[in-house]
Amino acid sequence: MAEPRVMLITGTRKGIGRYLADHYVQAGDRVIGCSREAPDWRLEGYDHVLADVADEKQVIALLDEVRRRHGRLDVVINNAGIASMNHLLLTPGATIERIMRTNFVGAALVCREGAKLMMRRGGGRILNLSTVAVPMRLEGEAVYAASKAALETLTRVLAHELGRWAITVNALGPTPTETDLIRAVPRDKIEGILARLAIKRLATFEDIAHAIDFLVHPASGYITGQTLYLGGA
């Protein structure tokens, strides 16, 4: 029987992250999650750490905790992210900085520290959550899309930097999904996005998890530096 994987998933308090935590625990993996606030749920076989990925010291402490508890790391899923749906002309500088620090800087820090643990093991999988807002160039999401576009570039370059250690780095771009991230978005805007997709519906948590399953699978060791968009964006 294969040894359980040790997996770190960021932003697990709710939404996609919470679903993924449960999904991979049920699959037999040892899952560590994090968020800035404590979750209101518990799951046997799951460990939660309070950490803000935008804070370098907290990220280092988070990965030290993973090393202390498990001695290794096999999979990282950078799910933590925030958005502010607004025209750039109406977006405060503080909001721009907050989005970039969480969506890009935070993911980069987790990649950096996670890769150090993976190198000891001789391989691993890093999966970064992007968005279809990047290729669709959605108005009102300039800063959010830019933060994720930066993350996609990081993914491609990091794939080359880490390939020699058998660490793959890929990104997944979901379409709108029923989470807190889109509940404040006008319905007509969501419908307009769906109309541009090949598959004209919201993504489900299962859609996202199945795609991640493929990209982080041990047999996917020759797939790296790629961004997979869902729904035919």
Protein backbone atom coordinates (compact mmCIF):
# COMPACT_ATOMS: atom_id res chain seq x y z
CA MET A 1 0.00 0.00 0.00
CA ALA A 2 1.34 3.43 -0.96
CA GLU A 3 2.41 5.73 1.84
CA PRO A 4 -0.07 8.60 2.44
CA ARG A 5 0.96 11.88 0.89
CA VAL A 6 1.61 14.92 3.06
CA MET A 7 -0.31 17.85 1.56
CA LEU A 8 -0.46 21.55 2.40
CA ILE A 9 -3.51 23.50 1.23
CA THR A 10 -3.75 27.23 1.88
CA GLY A 11 -7.01 29.08 2.45
CA THR A 12 -8.96 26.13 3.83
CA ARG A 13 -11.37 27.94 6.15
CA LYS A 14 -14.18 27.89 3.58
CA GLY A 15 -15.07 27.48 -0.07
CA ILE A 16 -12.81 25.58 -2.44
CA GLY A 17 -10.10 25.16 0.17
CA ARG A 18 -12.42 23.56 2.69
CA TYR A 19 -13.75 21.19 0.03
CA LEU A 20 -10.24 20.20 -1.04
CA ALA A 21 -9.20 19.54 2.57
CA ASP A 22 -12.08 17.10 2.99
CA HIS A 23 -11.54 15.62 -0.49
CA TYR A 24 -7.91 14.73 0.15
CA VAL A 25 -8.43 13.54 3.72
CA GLN A 26 -11.07 11.17 2.38
CA ALA A 27 -8.52 10.03 -0.22
CA GLY A 28 -6.17 9.04 2.60
CA ASP A 29 -3.75 11.97 2.45
CA ARG A 30 -2.38 13.77 5.50
CA VAL A 31 -3.63 17.32 5.03
CA ILE A 32 -2.45 20.50 6.71
CA GLY A 33 -4.46 23.64 6.02
CA CYS A 34 -4.14 27.27 6.95
CA SER A 35 -6.09 30.49 7.06
CA ARG A 36 -5.95 33.84 8.82
CA GLU A 37 -8.99 32.98 10.95
CA ALA A 38 -9.92 29.73 12.66
CA PRO A 39 -12.41 27.52 10.78
CA ASP A 40 -15.78 26.69 12.34
CA TRP A 41 -15.42 23.00 11.45
CA ARG A 42 -13.24 20.04 12.33
CA LEU A 43 -12.16 17.04 10.33
CA GLU A 44 -10.50 13.90 11.61
CA GLY A 45 -7.09 13.49 10.00
CA TYR A 46 -6.78 17.18 9.22
CA ASP A 47 -4.53 19.73 10.96
CA HIS A 48 -5.16 23.47 10.81
CA VAL A 49 -2.62 26.23 11.37
CA LEU A 50 -3.45 29.92 11.73
CA ALA A 51 -1.27 31.72 9.21
CA ASP A 52 -1.46 34.65 6.81
CA VAL A 53 0.35 33.66 3.62
CA ALA A 54 1.09 37.34 2.93
CA ASP A 55 3.33 37.40 6.02
CA GLU A 56 6.77 35.91 5.33
CA LYS A 57 7.50 35.02 8.96
CA GLN A 58 4.17 33.24 9.29
CA VAL A 59 4.78 31.25 6.09
CA ILE A 60 8.20 30.15 7.34
CA ALA A 61 6.63 29.13 10.67
CA LEU A 62 3.87 27.25 8.81
CA LEU A 63 6.33 25.17 6.81
CA ASP A 64 8.43 24.59 9.93
CA GLU A 65 5.28 23.15 11.51
CA VAL A 66 4.76 20.85 8.52
CA ARG A 67 8.38 19.67 8.79
CA ARG A 68 8.09 19.16 12.55
CA ARG A 69 4.89 17.13 12.30
CA HIS A 70 5.61 15.09 9.19
CA GLY A 71 9.26 15.53 8.19
CA ARG A 72 8.36 15.98 4.54
CA LEU A 73 5.95 17.57 2.06
CA ASP A 74 4.61 15.97 -1.10
CA VAL A 75 1.95 18.36 -2.42
CA VAL A 76 1.27 22.09 -2.11
CA ILE A 77 -2.01 23.62 -3.28
CA ASN A 78 -1.93 27.42 -3.22
CA ASN A 79 -5.63 28.15 -2.90
CA ALA A 80 -5.66 31.23 -0.65
CA GLY A 81 -6.81 34.28 -2.54
CA ILE A 82 -8.82 37.47 -2.33
CA ALA A 83 -10.52 39.69 -4.90
CA SER A 84 -12.03 43.13 -5.28
CA MET A 85 -14.30 43.45 -8.28
CA ASN A 86 -13.92 47.11 -9.18
CA HIS A 87 -12.81 49.37 -11.99
CA LEU A 88 -9.13 50.23 -11.61
CA LEU A 89 -9.93 53.95 -11.46
CA LEU A 90 -11.96 53.28 -8.31
CA THR A 91 -9.53 50.86 -6.63
CA PRO A 92 -7.56 52.22 -3.64
CA GLY A 93 -3.84 51.58 -3.52
CA ALA A 94 -4.22 49.66 -0.26
CA THR A 95 -6.60 47.25 -1.99
CA ILE A 96 -4.16 46.73 -4.86
CA GLU A 97 -1.35 45.96 -2.42
CA ARG A 98 -3.51 43.58 -0.37
CA ILE A 99 -4.59 41.59 -3.43
CA MET A 100 -1.04 41.32 -4.77
CA ARG A 101 0.39 40.33 -1.39
CA THR A 102 -2.11 37.52 -0.87
CA ASN A 103 -2.56 36.21 -4.40
CA PHE A 104 0.99 36.54 -5.67
CA VAL A 105 3.49 37.23 -2.88
CA GLY A 106 1.81 34.77 -0.53
CA ALA A 107 1.77 31.99 -3.11
CA ALA A 108 5.40 32.70 -4.02
CA LEU A 109 6.45 32.43 -0.38
CA VAL A 110 4.62 29.13 0.08
CA CYS A 111 6.18 27.81 -3.15
CA ARG A 112 9.64 28.83 -1.95
CA GLU A 113 9.39 27.30 1.49
CA GLY A 114 7.44 24.25 0.32
CA ALA A 115 9.98 23.46 -2.39
CA LYS A 116 12.74 23.36 0.20
CA LEU A 117 10.94 20.54 2.00
CA MET A 118 10.15 18.73 -1.26
CA MET A 119 13.79 18.76 -2.32
CA ARG A 120 14.65 16.64 0.73
CA ARG A 121 12.08 14.07 -0.40
CA GLY A 122 13.29 14.03 -3.99
CA GLY A 123 10.20 15.39 -5.68
CA GLY A 124 6.75 16.87 -5.25
CA ARG A 125 3.79 18.64 -6.78
CA ILE A 126 2.94 22.34 -6.57
CA LEU A 127 -0.46 23.51 -7.82
CA ASN A 128 -1.36 27.22 -7.96
CA LEU A 129 -4.98 28.36 -8.26
CA SER A 130 -5.38 30.98 -11.00
CA THR A 131 -8.59 32.12 -12.73
CA VAL A 132 -10.23 32.39 -16.15
CA ALA A 133 -10.27 36.15 -15.52
CA VAL A 134 -6.72 36.11 -16.93
CA PRO A 135 -7.40 34.87 -20.48
CA MET A 136 -10.88 36.45 -20.59
CA ARG A 137 -9.55 39.92 -19.62
CA LEU A 138 -12.62 40.63 -17.53
CA GLU A 139 -13.42 44.29 -16.97
CA GLY A 140 -13.61 45.24 -13.32
CA GLU A 141 -11.09 42.57 -12.36
CA ALA A 142 -7.88 44.20 -13.56
CA VAL A 143 -5.96 43.91 -10.30
CA TYR A 144 -7.28 40.44 -9.44
CA ALA A 145 -6.47 39.16 -12.95
CA ALA A 146 -3.04 40.82 -12.85
CA SER A 147 -2.20 39.12 -9.55
CA LYS A 148 -3.12 35.75 -11.02
CA ALA A 149 -1.29 36.45 -14.29
CA ALA A 150 1.82 37.09 -12.20
CA LEU A 151 1.18 33.77 -10.45
CA GLU A 152 0.96 32.00 -13.81
CA THR A 153 4.31 33.48 -14.86
CA LEU A 154 5.79 32.36 -11.55
CA THR A 155 4.41 28.88 -12.26
CA ARG A 156 6.10 28.66 -15.65
CA VAL A 157 9.48 29.93 -14.48
CA LEU A 158 9.46 27.93 -11.25
CA ALA A 159 8.77 24.78 -13.25
CA HIS A 160 12.19 25.25 -14.87
CA GLU A 161 13.90 26.14 -11.61
CA LEU A 162 12.57 23.10 -9.76
CA GLY A 163 12.44 20.51 -12.54
CA ARG A 164 15.88 19.10 -11.69
CA TRP A 165 14.49 18.02 -8.31
CA ALA A 166 11.45 16.27 -9.83
CA ILE A 167 9.13 18.98 -8.50
CA THR A 168 6.36 19.91 -10.93
CA VAL A 169 4.64 23.30 -10.83
CA ASN A 170 1.30 23.84 -12.55
CA ALA A 171 -1.69 26.16 -12.32
CA LEU A 172 -5.42 25.67 -12.60
CA GLY A 173 -7.83 28.42 -13.67
CA PRO A 174 -11.39 27.75 -12.50
CA THR A 175 -14.43 29.50 -13.88
CA PRO A 176 -16.85 31.23 -11.48
CA THR A 177 -17.79 28.87 -8.66
CA GLU A 178 -20.42 29.26 -5.94
CA THR A 179 -18.17 30.75 -3.25
CA ASP A 180 -18.07 33.95 -1.21
CA LEU A 181 -15.73 35.35 -3.86
CA ILE A 182 -18.54 35.76 -6.42
CA ARG A 183 -21.62 36.29 -4.25
CA ALA A 184 -21.22 40.07 -4.41
CA VAL A 185 -20.83 40.02 -8.21
CA PRO A 186 -24.01 41.04 -10.12
CA ARG A 187 -25.74 38.04 -11.65
CA ASP A 188 -25.74 39.57 -15.14
CA LYS A 189 -21.93 39.82 -15.00
CA ILE A 190 -21.68 36.13 -14.04
CA GLU A 191 -24.07 35.18 -16.84
CA GLY A 192 -21.95 37.18 -19.27
CA ILE A 193 -18.85 35.22 -18.27
CA LEU A 194 -20.64 31.88 -18.58
CA ALA A 195 -21.90 32.82 -22.06
CA ARG A 196 -18.28 33.09 -23.25
CA LEU A 197 -17.38 29.58 -22.07
CA ALA A 198 -17.57 26.41 -24.11
CA ILE A 199 -19.41 24.75 -21.20
CA LYS A 200 -21.88 27.38 -20.06
CA ARG A 201 -22.30 26.74 -16.35
CA LEU A 202 -20.64 27.47 -13.04
CA ALA A 203 -17.81 25.20 -11.98
CA THR A 204 -18.44 22.82 -9.11
CA PHE A 205 -16.02 21.95 -6.35
CA GLU A 206 -15.89 18.46 -7.87
CA ASP A 207 -14.83 19.87 -11.26
CA ILE A 208 -11.94 21.66 -9.61
CA ALA A 209 -10.90 18.73 -7.43
CA HIS A 210 -10.85 16.27 -10.35
CA ALA A 211 -8.56 18.55 -12.37
CA ILE A 212 -6.26 19.01 -9.37
CA ASP A 213 -6.24 15.23 -8.82
CA PHE A 214 -4.73 14.85 -12.27
CA LEU A 215 -2.10 17.57 -11.91
CA VAL A 216 -0.86 16.45 -8.48
CA HIS A 217 -0.98 12.71 -9.19
CA PRO A 218 2.33 10.86 -8.79
CA ALA A 219 2.04 9.72 -12.42
CA SER A 220 1.91 13.34 -13.67
CA GLY A 221 5.63 13.86 -13.30
CA TYR A 222 6.17 14.94 -16.91
CA ILE A 223 3.55 17.69 -16.82
CA THR A 224 4.91 20.99 -15.54
CA GLY A 225 4.78 24.73 -16.22
CA GLN A 226 1.21 24.48 -17.51
CA THR A 227 -1.97 26.43 -16.79
CA LEU A 228 -5.21 24.52 -17.30
CA TYR A 229 -8.37 26.62 -17.63
CA LEU A 230 -11.72 24.99 -16.93
CA GLY A 231 -14.89 25.35 -18.95
CA GLY A 232 -13.21 26.07 -22.27
CA ALA A 233 -12.32 29.67 -21.45
